[in-house]
Amino acid sequence: MLIDSLTSLYRKVISVQAILGTAVVLIAIVFDGNLAALSAFIGALSVVAGSMAYAVLARKSQVVAVSAGHVIRRHALAEVAKWMVVLGAVFGALSSGWFAATWLVAAMCVALLGHWLVFLIIR
């Protein structure tokens, strides 16, 4: 039962982050063009991909009814993997030099707010 609710929660978080990221991409393309939209897409995609990495590492087959220490270590590893994915995408965009930083960061922030929106409001 708990595993099913966690899977449902992961799906909600990823879905809301994707929806919010898509909204920022659409706003960027309307107000600032293709480069801004691509930058916003990379920002939102990095957050969604990071959340997916977290969900994969913390899924049922990885977190079994064992000690609390094992569960905490597994979730800590998933959190580190999530941030490595996000930072990898951001540093990749930084190294290219072509992106619109404002839209990339805006999309990341809005997509990250989706995480809290699900936990605090939607549940």
PDB file of N, CA and C in Angstrom:
ATOM      1  N   MET A   1       0.815  -1.192   0.000  1.00  0.00           N
ATOM      2  CA  MET A   1       0.000   0.000   0.000  1.00  0.00           C
ATOM      3  C   MET A   1       0.861   1.259   0.000  1.00  0.00           C
ATOM      4  N   LEU A   2       1.873   1.302   0.867  1.00  0.00           N
ATOM      5  CA  LEU A   2       2.743   2.464   0.935  1.00  0.00           C
ATOM      6  C   LEU A   2       3.513   2.649  -0.370  1.00  0.00           C
ATOM      7  N   ILE A   3       3.977   1.549  -0.955  1.00  0.00           N
ATOM      8  CA  ILE A   3       4.722   1.624  -2.211  1.00  0.00           C
ATOM      9  C   ILE A   3       3.839   2.192  -3.315  1.00  0.00           C
ATOM     10  N   ASP A   4       2.573   1.765  -3.378  1.00  0.00           N
ATOM     11  CA  ASP A   4       1.661   2.286  -4.391  1.00  0.00           C
ATOM     12  C   ASP A   4       1.443   3.778  -4.229  1.00  0.00           C
ATOM     13  N   SER A   5       1.324   4.245  -2.984  1.00  0.00           N
ATOM     14  CA  SER A   5       1.118   5.676  -2.768  1.00  0.00           C
ATOM     15  C   SER A   5       2.379   6.458  -3.115  1.00  0.00           C
ATOM     16  N   LEU A   6       3.555   5.894  -2.868  1.00  0.00           N
ATOM     17  CA  LEU A   6       4.802   6.564  -3.259  1.00  0.00           C
ATOM     18  C   LEU A   6       4.922   6.650  -4.772  1.00  0.00           C
ATOM     19  N   THR A   7       4.584   5.577  -5.461  1.00  0.00           N
ATOM     20  CA  THR A   7       4.623   5.589  -6.922  1.00  0.00           C
ATOM     21  C   THR A   7       3.653   6.621  -7.468  1.00  0.00           C
ATOM     22  N   SER A   8       2.482   6.688  -6.893  1.00  0.00           N
ATOM     23  CA  SER A   8       1.490   7.675  -7.296  1.00  0.00           C
ATOM     24  C   SER A   8       2.005   9.091  -7.044  1.00  0.00           C
ATOM     25  N   LEU A   9       2.656   9.283  -5.928  1.00  0.00           N
ATOM     26  CA  LEU A   9       3.207  10.601  -5.597  1.00  0.00           C
ATOM     27  C   LEU A   9       4.315  10.987  -6.565  1.00  0.00           C
ATOM     28  N   TYR A  10       5.211  10.056  -6.893  1.00  0.00           N
ATOM     29  CA  TYR A  10       6.271  10.336  -7.864  1.00  0.00           C
ATOM     30  C   TYR A  10       5.666  10.720  -9.213  1.00  0.00           C
ATOM     31  N   ARG A  11       4.643   9.997  -9.628  1.00  0.00           N
ATOM     32  CA  ARG A  11       3.987  10.308 -10.912  1.00  0.00           C
ATOM     33  C   ARG A  11       3.357  11.696 -10.892  1.00  0.00           C
ATOM     34  N   LYS A  12       2.712  12.042  -9.786  1.00  0.00           N
ATOM     35  CA  LYS A  12       2.107  13.369  -9.679  1.00  0.00           C
ATOM     36  C   LYS A  12       3.164  14.463  -9.754  1.00  0.00           C
ATOM     37  N   VAL A  13       4.257  14.283  -9.039  1.00  0.00           N
ATOM     38  CA  VAL A  13       5.330  15.285  -9.037  1.00  0.00           C
ATOM     39  C   VAL A  13       5.882  15.469 -10.444  1.00  0.00           C
ATOM     40  N   ILE A  14       6.197  14.380 -11.108  1.00  0.00           N
ATOM     41  CA  ILE A  14       6.782  14.465 -12.452  1.00  0.00           C
ATOM     42  C   ILE A  14       5.781  15.065 -13.435  1.00  0.00           C
ATOM     43  N   SER A  15       4.521  14.688 -13.321  1.00  0.00           N
ATOM     44  CA  SER A  15       3.498  15.241 -14.217  1.00  0.00           C
ATOM     45  C   SER A  15       3.315  16.738 -14.014  1.00  0.00           C
ATOM     46  N   VAL A  16       3.213  17.181 -12.772  1.00  0.00           N
ATOM     47  CA  VAL A  16       3.036  18.606 -12.496  1.00  0.00           C
ATOM     48  C   VAL A  16       4.268  19.393 -12.931  1.00  0.00           C
ATOM     49  N   GLN A  17       5.458  18.846 -12.702  1.00  0.00           N
ATOM     50  CA  GLN A  17       6.672  19.525 -13.151  1.00  0.00           C
ATOM     51  C   GLN A  17       6.700  19.647 -14.672  1.00  0.00           C
ATOM     52  N   ALA A  18       6.283  18.610 -15.366  1.00  0.00           N
ATOM     53  CA  ALA A  18       6.254  18.657 -16.831  1.00  0.00           C
ATOM     54  C   ALA A  18       5.223  19.673 -17.330  1.00  0.00           C
ATOM     55  N   ILE A  19       4.075  19.731 -16.701  1.00  0.00           N
ATOM     56  CA  ILE A  19       3.039  20.692 -17.100  1.00  0.00           C
ATOM     57  C   ILE A  19       3.513  22.127 -16.871  1.00  0.00           C
ATOM     58  N   LEU A  20       4.080  22.385 -15.695  1.00  0.00           N
ATOM     59  CA  LEU A  20       4.566  23.728 -15.402  1.00  0.00           C
ATOM     60  C   LEU A  20       5.726  24.109 -16.321  1.00  0.00           C
ATOM     61  N   GLY A  21       6.611  23.156 -16.599  1.00  0.00           N
ATOM     62  CA  GLY A  21       7.717  23.418 -17.521  1.00  0.00           C
ATOM     63  C   GLY A  21       7.229  23.728 -18.923  1.00  0.00           C
ATOM     64  N   THR A  22       6.222  22.999 -19.372  1.00  0.00           N
ATOM     65  CA  THR A  22       5.640  23.253 -20.695  1.00  0.00           C
ATOM     66  C   THR A  22       5.007  24.640 -20.750  1.00  0.00           C
ATOM     67  N   ALA A  23       4.368  25.041 -19.671  1.00  0.00           N
ATOM     68  CA  ALA A  23       3.774  26.384 -19.627  1.00  0.00           C
ATOM     69  C   ALA A  23       4.849  27.459 -19.767  1.00  0.00           C
ATOM     70  N   VAL A  24       5.979  27.284 -19.098  1.00  0.00           N
ATOM     71  CA  VAL A  24       7.068  28.264 -19.217  1.00  0.00           C
ATOM     72  C   VAL A  24       7.629  28.270 -20.632  1.00  0.00           C
ATOM     73  N   VAL A  25       7.759  27.104 -21.252  1.00  0.00           N
ATOM     74  CA  VAL A  25       8.253  27.038 -22.635  1.00  0.00           C
ATOM     75  C   VAL A  25       7.308  27.789 -23.561  1.00  0.00           C
ATOM     76  N   LEU A  26       6.008  27.602 -23.396  1.00  0.00           N
ATOM     77  CA  LEU A  26       5.035  28.305 -24.240  1.00  0.00           C
ATOM     78  C   LEU A  26       5.092  29.812 -24.018  1.00  0.00           C
ATOM     79  N   ILE A  27       5.232  30.224 -22.772  1.00  0.00           N
ATOM     80  CA  ILE A  27       5.355  31.655 -22.482  1.00  0.00           C
ATOM     81  C   ILE A  27       6.635  32.208 -23.106  1.00  0.00           C
ATOM     82  N   ALA A  28       7.717  31.455 -23.016  1.00  0.00           N
ATOM     83  CA  ALA A  28       8.996  31.900 -23.580  1.00  0.00           C
ATOM     84  C   ALA A  28       8.916  32.051 -25.092  1.00  0.00           C
ATOM     85  N   ILE A  29       8.281  31.107 -25.763  1.00  0.00           N
ATOM     86  CA  ILE A  29       8.216  31.184 -27.228  1.00  0.00           C
ATOM     87  C   ILE A  29       7.347  32.358 -27.678  1.00  0.00           C
ATOM     88  N   VAL A  30       6.296  32.659 -26.915  1.00  0.00           N
ATOM     89  CA  VAL A  30       5.422  33.779 -27.269  1.00  0.00           C
ATOM     90  C   VAL A  30       6.133  35.117 -27.049  1.00  0.00           C
ATOM     91  N   PHE A  31       6.813  35.258 -25.926  1.00  0.00           N
ATOM     92  CA  PHE A  31       7.386  36.550 -25.569  1.00  0.00           C
ATOM     93  C   PHE A  31       8.815  36.767 -26.042  1.00  0.00           C
ATOM     94  N   ASP A  32       9.570  35.694 -26.262  1.00  0.00           N
ATOM     95  CA  ASP A  32      10.992  35.913 -26.544  1.00  0.00           C
ATOM     96  C   ASP A  32      11.568  35.048 -27.668  1.00  0.00           C
ATOM     97  N   GLY A  33      10.787  34.205 -28.290  1.00  0.00           N
ATOM     98  CA  GLY A  33      11.263  33.473 -29.452  1.00  0.00           C
ATOM     99  C   GLY A  33      11.794  32.084 -29.173  1.00  0.00           C
ATOM    100  N   ASN A  34      12.381  31.511 -30.220  1.00  0.00           N
ATOM    101  CA  ASN A  34      12.810  30.110 -30.191  1.00  0.00           C
ATOM    102  C   ASN A  34      13.967  29.832 -29.239  1.00  0.00           C
ATOM    103  N   LEU A  35      14.952  30.719 -29.182  1.00  0.00           N
ATOM    104  CA  LEU A  35      16.103  30.497 -28.300  1.00  0.00           C
ATOM    105  C   LEU A  35      15.668  30.469 -26.841  1.00  0.00           C
ATOM    106  N   ALA A  36      14.786  31.384 -26.486  1.00  0.00           N
ATOM    107  CA  ALA A  36      14.268  31.406 -25.111  1.00  0.00           C
ATOM    108  C   ALA A  36      13.472  30.140 -24.814  1.00  0.00           C
ATOM    109  N   ALA A  37      12.672  29.704 -25.772  1.00  0.00           N
ATOM    110  CA  ALA A  37      11.875  28.490 -25.576  1.00  0.00           C
ATOM    111  C   ALA A  37      12.763  27.259 -25.427  1.00  0.00           C
ATOM    112  N   LEU A  38      13.812  27.188 -26.221  1.00  0.00           N
ATOM    113  CA  LEU A  38      14.740  26.057 -26.112  1.00  0.00           C
ATOM    114  C   LEU A  38      15.465  26.078 -24.768  1.00  0.00           C
ATOM    115  N   SER A  39      15.843  27.261 -24.328  1.00  0.00           N
ATOM    116  CA  SER A  39      16.500  27.379 -23.023  1.00  0.00           C
ATOM    117  C   SER A  39      15.545  26.976 -21.904  1.00  0.00           C
ATOM    118  N   ALA A  40      14.303  27.422 -21.986  1.00  0.00           N
ATOM    119  CA  ALA A  40      13.311  27.041 -20.986  1.00  0.00           C
ATOM    120  C   ALA A  40      13.050  25.536 -21.024  1.00  0.00           C
ATOM    121  N   PHE A  41      13.036  24.972 -22.217  1.00  0.00           N
ATOM    122  CA  PHE A  41      12.832  23.527 -22.355  1.00  0.00           C
ATOM    123  C   PHE A  41      13.954  22.758 -21.669  1.00  0.00           C
ATOM    124  N   ILE A  42      15.192  23.189 -21.868  1.00  0.00           N
ATOM    125  CA  ILE A  42      16.330  22.510 -21.229  1.00  0.00           C
ATOM    126  C   ILE A  42      16.244  22.642 -19.713  1.00  0.00           C
ATOM    127  N   GLY A  43      15.872  23.820 -19.231  1.00  0.00           N
ATOM    128  CA  GLY A  43      15.736  24.006 -17.789  1.00  0.00           C
ATOM    129  C   GLY A  43      14.657  23.109 -17.189  1.00  0.00           C
ATOM    130  N   ALA A  44      13.489  23.087 -17.818  1.00  0.00           N
ATOM    131  CA  ALA A  44      12.393  22.250 -17.320  1.00  0.00           C
ATOM    132  C   ALA A  44      12.722  20.764 -17.465  1.00  0.00           C
ATOM    133  N   LEU A  45      13.322  20.405 -18.590  1.00  0.00           N
ATOM    134  CA  LEU A  45      13.672  19.009 -18.818  1.00  0.00           C
ATOM    135  C   LEU A  45      14.696  18.511 -17.805  1.00  0.00           C
ATOM    136  N   SER A  46      15.631  19.365 -17.422  1.00  0.00           N
ATOM    137  CA  SER A  46      16.629  18.940 -16.441  1.00  0.00           C
ATOM    138  C   SER A  46      15.972  18.614 -15.103  1.00  0.00           C
ATOM    139  N   VAL A  47      14.988  19.404 -14.705  1.00  0.00           N
ATOM    140  CA  VAL A  47      14.295  19.156 -13.440  1.00  0.00           C
ATOM    141  C   VAL A  47      13.447  17.881 -13.535  1.00  0.00           C
ATOM    142  N   VAL A  48      12.723  17.717 -14.629  1.00  0.00           N
ATOM    143  CA  VAL A  48      11.892  16.529 -14.802  1.00  0.00           C
ATOM    144  C   VAL A  48      12.766  15.270 -14.877  1.00  0.00           C
ATOM    145  N   ALA A  49      13.864  15.341 -15.607  1.00  0.00           N
ATOM    146  CA  ALA A  49      14.779  14.195 -15.703  1.00  0.00           C
ATOM    147  C   ALA A  49      15.387  13.865 -14.346  1.00  0.00           C
ATOM    148  N   GLY A  50      15.710  14.886 -13.571  1.00  0.00           N
ATOM    149  CA  GLY A  50      16.227  14.657 -12.225  1.00  0.00           C
ATOM    150  C   GLY A  50      15.202  13.976 -11.333  1.00  0.00           C
ATOM    151  N   SER A  51      13.965  14.399 -11.424  1.00  0.00           N
ATOM    152  CA  SER A  51      12.907  13.757 -10.638  1.00  0.00           C
ATOM    153  C   SER A  51      12.678  12.321 -11.085  1.00  0.00           C
ATOM    154  N   MET A  52      12.799  12.082 -12.371  1.00  0.00           N
ATOM    155  CA  MET A  52      12.664  10.707 -12.871  1.00  0.00           C
ATOM    156  C   MET A  52      13.808   9.836 -12.365  1.00  0.00           C
ATOM    157  N   ALA A  53      15.013  10.371 -12.336  1.00  0.00           N
ATOM    158  CA  ALA A  53      16.158   9.619 -11.801  1.00  0.00           C
ATOM    159  C   ALA A  53      15.920   9.279 -10.334  1.00  0.00           C
ATOM    160  N   TYR A  54      15.389  10.235  -9.587  1.00  0.00           N
ATOM    161  CA  TYR A  54      15.073   9.993  -8.185  1.00  0.00           C
ATOM    162  C   TYR A  54      14.057   8.865  -8.054  1.00  0.00           C
ATOM    163  N   ALA A  55      12.997   8.939  -8.833  1.00  0.00           N
ATOM    164  CA  ALA A  55      11.934   7.936  -8.746  1.00  0.00           C
ATOM    165  C   ALA A  55      12.445   6.546  -9.105  1.00  0.00           C
ATOM    166  N   VAL A  56      13.320   6.472 -10.097  1.00  0.00           N
ATOM    167  CA  VAL A  56      13.853   5.170 -10.508  1.00  0.00           C
ATOM    168  C   VAL A  56      14.726   4.569  -9.408  1.00  0.00           C
ATOM    169  N   LEU A  57      15.563   5.392  -8.794  1.00  0.00           N
ATOM    170  CA  LEU A  57      16.458   4.867  -7.754  1.00  0.00           C
ATOM    171  C   LEU A  57      15.732   4.554  -6.453  1.00  0.00           C
ATOM    172  N   ALA A  58      14.623   5.218  -6.203  1.00  0.00           N
ATOM    173  CA  ALA A  58      13.911   5.006  -4.949  1.00  0.00           C
ATOM    174  C   ALA A  58      12.674   4.124  -5.127  1.00  0.00           C
ATOM    175  N   ARG A  59      12.579   3.433  -6.250  1.00  0.00           N
ATOM    176  CA  ARG A  59      11.374   2.644  -6.536  1.00  0.00           C
ATOM    177  C   ARG A  59      11.308   1.380  -5.672  1.00  0.00           C
ATOM    178  N   LYS A  60      10.221   0.675  -5.822  1.00  0.00           N
ATOM    179  CA  LYS A  60       9.920  -0.487  -4.989  1.00  0.00           C
ATOM    180  C   LYS A  60      11.022  -1.539  -4.995  1.00  0.00           C
ATOM    181  N   SER A  61      11.574  -1.848  -6.168  1.00  0.00           N
ATOM    182  CA  SER A  61      12.569  -2.919  -6.223  1.00  0.00           C
ATOM    183  C   SER A  61      13.871  -2.523  -5.533  1.00  0.00           C
ATOM    184  N   GLN A  62      14.077  -1.228  -5.342  1.00  0.00           N
ATOM    185  CA  GLN A  62      15.297  -0.776  -4.691  1.00  0.00           C
ATOM    186  C   GLN A  62      15.100  -0.578  -3.180  1.00  0.00           C
ATOM    187  N   VAL A  63      13.935  -0.123  -2.804  1.00  0.00           N
ATOM    188  CA  VAL A  63      13.655   0.127  -1.391  1.00  0.00           C
ATOM    189  C   VAL A  63      12.688  -0.944  -0.913  1.00  0.00           C
ATOM    190  N   VAL A  64      13.217  -1.912  -0.229  1.00  0.00           N
ATOM    191  CA  VAL A  64      12.431  -3.037   0.265  1.00  0.00           C
ATOM    192  C   VAL A  64      12.277  -2.841   1.771  1.00  0.00           C
ATOM    193  N   ALA A  65      11.374  -3.571   2.371  1.00  0.00           N
ATOM    194  CA  ALA A  65      11.166  -3.455   3.814  1.00  0.00           C
ATOM    195  C   ALA A  65      12.383  -3.975   4.557  1.00  0.00           C
ATOM    196  N   VAL A  66      13.390  -3.131   4.660  1.00  0.00           N
ATOM    197  CA  VAL A  66      14.616  -3.473   5.388  1.00  0.00           C
ATOM    198  C   VAL A  66      14.846  -2.386   6.418  1.00  0.00           C
ATOM    199  N   SER A  67      16.053  -2.238   6.856  1.00  0.00           N
ATOM    200  CA  SER A  67      16.346  -1.264   7.906  1.00  0.00           C
ATOM    201  C   SER A  67      16.109   0.169   7.440  1.00  0.00           C
ATOM    202  N   ALA A  68      15.847   1.017   8.387  1.00  0.00           N
ATOM    203  CA  ALA A  68      15.622   2.433   8.089  1.00  0.00           C
ATOM    204  C   ALA A  68      16.886   3.057   7.497  1.00  0.00           C
ATOM    205  N   GLY A  69      18.036   2.622   7.945  1.00  0.00           N
ATOM    206  CA  GLY A  69      19.296   3.134   7.416  1.00  0.00           C
ATOM    207  C   GLY A  69      19.442   2.852   5.929  1.00  0.00           C
ATOM    208  N   HIS A  70      19.028   1.659   5.517  1.00  0.00           N
ATOM    209  CA  HIS A  70      19.091   1.302   4.099  1.00  0.00           C
ATOM    210  C   HIS A  70      18.167   2.197   3.273  1.00  0.00           C
ATOM    211  N   VAL A  71      16.986   2.435   3.790  1.00  0.00           N
ATOM    212  CA  VAL A  71      16.027   3.289   3.081  1.00  0.00           C
ATOM    213  C   VAL A  71      16.564   4.709   2.979  1.00  0.00           C
ATOM    214  N   ILE A  72      17.113   5.232   4.048  1.00  0.00           N
ATOM    215  CA  ILE A  72      17.659   6.596   4.034  1.00  0.00           C
ATOM    216  C   ILE A  72      18.839   6.687   3.078  1.00  0.00           C
ATOM    217  N   ARG A  73      19.724   5.709   3.089  1.00  0.00           N
ATOM    218  CA  ARG A  73      20.870   5.717   2.153  1.00  0.00           C
ATOM    219  C   ARG A  73      20.386   5.674   0.712  1.00  0.00           C
ATOM    220  N   ARG A  74      19.364   4.875   0.426  1.00  0.00           N
ATOM    221  CA  ARG A  74      18.834   4.763  -0.932  1.00  0.00           C
ATOM    222  C   ARG A  74      18.234   6.098  -1.387  1.00  0.00           C
ATOM    223  N   HIS A  75      17.507   6.752  -0.503  1.00  0.00           N
ATOM    224  CA  HIS A  75      16.924   8.043  -0.866  1.00  0.00           C
ATOM    225  C   HIS A  75      17.991   9.134  -0.967  1.00  0.00           C
ATOM    226  N   ALA A  76      19.019   9.059  -0.140  1.00  0.00           N
ATOM    227  CA  ALA A  76      20.123  10.025  -0.254  1.00  0.00           C
ATOM    228  C   ALA A  76      20.842   9.838  -1.601  1.00  0.00           C
ATOM    229  N   LEU A  77      21.064   8.590  -2.001  1.00  0.00           N
ATOM    230  CA  LEU A  77      21.671   8.313  -3.301  1.00  0.00           C
ATOM    231  C   LEU A  77      20.787   8.832  -4.430  1.00  0.00           C
ATOM    232  N   ALA A  78      19.478   8.635  -4.308  1.00  0.00           N
ATOM    233  CA  ALA A  78      18.545   9.127  -5.326  1.00  0.00           C
ATOM    234  C   ALA A  78      18.583  10.651  -5.404  1.00  0.00           C
ATOM    235  N   GLU A  79      18.682  11.314  -4.271  1.00  0.00           N
ATOM    236  CA  GLU A  79      18.755  12.783  -4.249  1.00  0.00           C
ATOM    237  C   GLU A  79      20.042  13.284  -4.906  1.00  0.00           C
ATOM    238  N   VAL A  80      21.148  12.627  -4.624  1.00  0.00           N
ATOM    239  CA  VAL A  80      22.424  12.995  -5.255  1.00  0.00           C
ATOM    240  C   VAL A  80      22.341  12.790  -6.765  1.00  0.00           C
ATOM    241  N   ALA A  81      21.774  11.683  -7.190  1.00  0.00           N
ATOM    242  CA  ALA A  81      21.625  11.416  -8.626  1.00  0.00           C
ATOM    243  C   ALA A  81      20.747  12.470  -9.286  1.00  0.00           C
ATOM    244  N   LYS A  82      19.677  12.867  -8.610  1.00  0.00           N
ATOM    245  CA  LYS A  82      18.784  13.892  -9.144  1.00  0.00           C
ATOM    246  C   LYS A  82      19.545  15.190  -9.374  1.00  0.00           C
ATOM    247  N   TRP A  83      20.314  15.620  -8.393  1.00  0.00           N
ATOM    248  CA  TRP A  83      21.047  16.881  -8.543  1.00  0.00           C
ATOM    249  C   TRP A  83      22.164  16.778  -9.559  1.00  0.00           C
ATOM    250  N   MET A  84      22.759  15.611  -9.699  1.00  0.00           N
ATOM    251  CA  MET A  84      23.799  15.445 -10.726  1.00  0.00           C
ATOM    252  C   MET A  84      23.199  15.570 -12.122  1.00  0.00           C
ATOM    253  N   VAL A  85      22.007  15.031 -12.321  1.00  0.00           N
ATOM    254  CA  VAL A  85      21.325  15.159 -13.614  1.00  0.00           C
ATOM    255  C   VAL A  85      20.999  16.620 -13.890  1.00  0.00           C
ATOM    256  N   VAL A  86      20.435  17.308 -12.899  1.00  0.00           N
ATOM    257  CA  VAL A  86      20.073  18.721 -13.071  1.00  0.00           C
ATOM    258  C   VAL A  86      21.312  19.564 -13.339  1.00  0.00           C
ATOM    259  N   LEU A  87      22.331  19.416 -12.527  1.00  0.00           N
ATOM    260  CA  LEU A  87      23.544  20.212 -12.707  1.00  0.00           C
ATOM    261  C   LEU A  87      24.268  19.868 -14.003  1.00  0.00           C
ATOM    262  N   GLY A  88      24.229  18.608 -14.395  1.00  0.00           N
ATOM    263  CA  GLY A  88      24.832  18.219 -15.670  1.00  0.00           C
ATOM    264  C   GLY A  88      24.180  18.921 -16.850  1.00  0.00           C
ATOM    265  N   ALA A  89      22.860  19.001 -16.822  1.00  0.00           N
ATOM    266  CA  ALA A  89      22.147  19.695 -17.902  1.00  0.00           C
ATOM    267  C   ALA A  89      22.447  21.184 -17.891  1.00  0.00           C
ATOM    268  N   VAL A  90      22.480  21.777 -16.704  1.00  0.00           N
ATOM    269  CA  VAL A  90      22.763  23.214 -16.611  1.00  0.00           C
ATOM    270  C   VAL A  90      24.194  23.518 -17.042  1.00  0.00           C
ATOM    271  N   PHE A  91      25.150  22.747 -16.573  1.00  0.00           N
ATOM    272  CA  PHE A  91      26.536  22.987 -16.980  1.00  0.00           C
ATOM    273  C   PHE A  91      26.739  22.711 -18.469  1.00  0.00           C
ATOM    274  N   GLY A  92      25.987  21.757 -19.007  1.00  0.00           N
ATOM    275  CA  GLY A  92      26.038  21.527 -20.450  1.00  0.00           C
ATOM    276  C   GLY A  92      25.550  22.742 -21.225  1.00  0.00           C
ATOM    277  N   ALA A  93      24.473  23.346 -20.747  1.00  0.00           N
ATOM    278  CA  ALA A  93      23.973  24.569 -21.390  1.00  0.00           C
ATOM    279  C   ALA A  93      24.955  25.719 -21.204  1.00  0.00           C
ATOM    280  N   LEU A  94      25.541  25.818 -20.014  1.00  0.00           N
ATOM    281  CA  LEU A  94      26.525  26.870 -19.768  1.00  0.00           C
ATOM    282  C   LEU A  94      27.731  26.749 -20.686  1.00  0.00           C
ATOM    283  N   SER A  95      28.173  25.537 -20.896  1.00  0.00           N
ATOM    284  CA  SER A  95      29.366  25.335 -21.732  1.00  0.00           C
ATOM    285  C   SER A  95      29.093  25.611 -23.204  1.00  0.00           C
ATOM    286  N   SER A  96      27.837  25.520 -23.619  1.00  0.00           N
ATOM    287  CA  SER A  96      27.532  25.777 -25.025  1.00  0.00           C
ATOM    288  C   SER A  96      27.563  27.262 -25.354  1.00  0.00           C
ATOM    289  N   GLY A  97      27.163  28.085 -24.387  1.00  0.00           N
ATOM    290  CA  GLY A  97      27.214  29.523 -24.571  1.00  0.00           C
ATOM    291  C   GLY A  97      26.090  30.117 -25.402  1.00  0.00           C
ATOM    292  N   TRP A  98      25.134  29.355 -25.862  1.00  0.00           N
ATOM    293  CA  TRP A  98      24.082  29.858 -26.747  1.00  0.00           C
ATOM    294  C   TRP A  98      22.754  30.099 -26.048  1.00  0.00           C
ATOM    295  N   PHE A  99      22.604  29.696 -24.819  1.00  0.00           N
ATOM    296  CA  PHE A  99      21.306  29.678 -24.156  1.00  0.00           C
ATOM    297  C   PHE A  99      20.922  31.043 -23.589  1.00  0.00           C
ATOM    298  N   ALA A 100      19.636  31.191 -23.282  1.00  0.00           N
ATOM    299  CA  ALA A 100      19.122  32.377 -22.599  1.00  0.00           C
ATOM    300  C   ALA A 100      18.995  32.031 -21.122  1.00  0.00           C
ATOM    301  N   ALA A 101      19.921  32.526 -20.328  1.00  0.00           N
ATOM    302  CA  ALA A 101      20.025  32.128 -18.922  1.00  0.00           C
ATOM    303  C   ALA A 101      18.761  32.422 -18.129  1.00  0.00           C
ATOM    304  N   THR A 102      18.128  33.540 -18.384  1.00  0.00           N
ATOM    305  CA  THR A 102      16.936  33.921 -17.631  1.00  0.00           C
ATOM    306  C   THR A 102      15.832  32.887 -17.799  1.00  0.00           C
ATOM    307  N   TRP A 103      15.606  32.459 -19.019  1.00  0.00           N
ATOM    308  CA  TRP A 103      14.538  31.484 -19.273  1.00  0.00           C
ATOM    309  C   TRP A 103      14.904  30.108 -18.748  1.00  0.00           C
ATOM    310  N   LEU A 104      16.167  29.728 -18.825  1.00  0.00           N
ATOM    311  CA  LEU A 104      16.597  28.434 -18.301  1.00  0.00           C
ATOM    312  C   LEU A 104      16.357  28.379 -16.796  1.00  0.00           C
ATOM    313  N   VAL A 105      16.780  29.403 -16.091  1.00  0.00           N
ATOM    314  CA  VAL A 105      16.605  29.436 -14.637  1.00  0.00           C
ATOM    315  C   VAL A 105      15.127  29.569 -14.265  1.00  0.00           C
ATOM    316  N   ALA A 106      14.383  30.369 -15.008  1.00  0.00           N
ATOM    317  CA  ALA A 106      12.953  30.526 -14.725  1.00  0.00           C
ATOM    318  C   ALA A 106      12.220  29.196 -14.862  1.00  0.00           C
ATOM    319  N   ALA A 107      12.508  28.463 -15.917  1.00  0.00           N
ATOM    320  CA  ALA A 107      11.856  27.169 -16.116  1.00  0.00           C
ATOM    321  C   ALA A 107      12.248  26.179 -15.023  1.00  0.00           C
ATOM    322  N   MET A 108      13.503  26.210 -14.612  1.00  0.00           N
ATOM    323  CA  MET A 108      13.931  25.324 -13.531  1.00  0.00           C
ATOM    324  C   MET A 108      13.199  25.660 -12.229  1.00  0.00           C
ATOM    325  N   CYS A 109      13.116  26.944 -11.920  1.00  0.00           N
ATOM    326  CA  CYS A 109      12.453  27.362 -10.678  1.00  0.00           C
ATOM    327  C   CYS A 109      10.971  26.999 -10.688  1.00  0.00           C
ATOM    328  N   VAL A 110      10.306  27.250 -11.792  1.00  0.00           N
ATOM    329  CA  VAL A 110       8.875  26.938 -11.872  1.00  0.00           C
ATOM    330  C   VAL A 110       8.656  25.427 -11.794  1.00  0.00           C
ATOM    331  N   ALA A 111       9.486  24.656 -12.483  1.00  0.00           N
ATOM    332  CA  ALA A 111       9.344  23.199 -12.425  1.00  0.00           C
ATOM    333  C   ALA A 111       9.637  22.680 -11.020  1.00  0.00           C
ATOM    334  N   LEU A 112      10.627  23.244 -10.349  1.00  0.00           N
ATOM    335  CA  LEU A 112      10.912  22.826  -8.976  1.00  0.00           C
ATOM    336  C   LEU A 112       9.775  23.185  -8.030  1.00  0.00           C
ATOM    337  N   LEU A 113       9.079  24.271  -8.298  1.00  0.00           N
ATOM    338  CA  LEU A 113       7.918  24.622  -7.480  1.00  0.00           C
ATOM    339  C   LEU A 113       6.809  23.578  -7.609  1.00  0.00           C
ATOM    340  N   GLY A 114       6.787  22.869  -8.733  1.00  0.00           N
ATOM    341  CA  GLY A 114       5.809  21.806  -8.914  1.00  0.00           C
ATOM    342  C   GLY A 114       5.953  20.710  -7.876  1.00  0.00           C
ATOM    343  N   HIS A 115       7.178  20.459  -7.454  1.00  0.00           N
ATOM    344  CA  HIS A 115       7.448  19.464  -6.425  1.00  0.00           C
ATOM    345  C   HIS A 115       6.728  19.849  -5.136  1.00  0.00           C
ATOM    346  N   TRP A 116       6.877  21.089  -4.727  1.00  0.00           N
ATOM    347  CA  TRP A 116       6.248  21.551  -3.500  1.00  0.00           C
ATOM    348  C   TRP A 116       4.753  21.715  -3.656  1.00  0.00           C
ATOM    349  N   LEU A 117       4.321  22.064  -4.829  1.00  0.00           N
ATOM    350  CA  LEU A 117       2.886  22.180  -5.095  1.00  0.00           C
ATOM    351  C   LEU A 117       2.191  20.842  -4.849  1.00  0.00           C
ATOM    352  N   VAL A 118       2.792  19.767  -5.322  1.00  0.00           N
ATOM    353  CA  VAL A 118       2.208  18.437  -5.120  1.00  0.00           C
ATOM    354  C   VAL A 118       2.228  18.055  -3.646  1.00  0.00           C
ATOM    355  N   PHE A 119       3.346  18.270  -2.975  1.00  0.00           N
ATOM    356  CA  PHE A 119       3.451  17.831  -1.577  1.00  0.00           C
ATOM    357  C   PHE A 119       2.600  18.665  -0.621  1.00  0.00           C
ATOM    358  N   LEU A 120       2.508  19.966  -0.860  1.00  0.00           N
ATOM    359  CA  LEU A 120       1.807  20.821   0.096  1.00  0.00           C
ATOM    360  C   LEU A 120       0.353  21.070  -0.230  1.00  0.00           C
ATOM    361  N   ILE A 121      -0.019  21.043  -1.508  1.00  0.00           N
ATOM    362  CA  ILE A 121      -1.376  21.405  -1.886  1.00  0.00           C
ATOM    363  C   ILE A 121      -2.162  20.223  -2.455  1.00  0.00           C
ATOM    364  N   ILE A 122      -1.621  19.554  -3.457  1.00  0.00           N
ATOM    365  CA  ILE A 122      -2.372  18.514  -4.162  1.00  0.00           C
ATOM    366  C   ILE A 122      -2.446  17.221  -3.367  1.00  0.00           C
ATOM    367  N   ARG A 123      -1.307  16.735  -2.943  1.00  0.00           N
ATOM    368  CA  ARG A 123      -1.163  15.465  -2.226  1.00  0.00           C
ATOM    369  C   ARG A 123      -1.787  14.391  -3.001  1.00  0.00           C
TER     370      ARG A 123
END
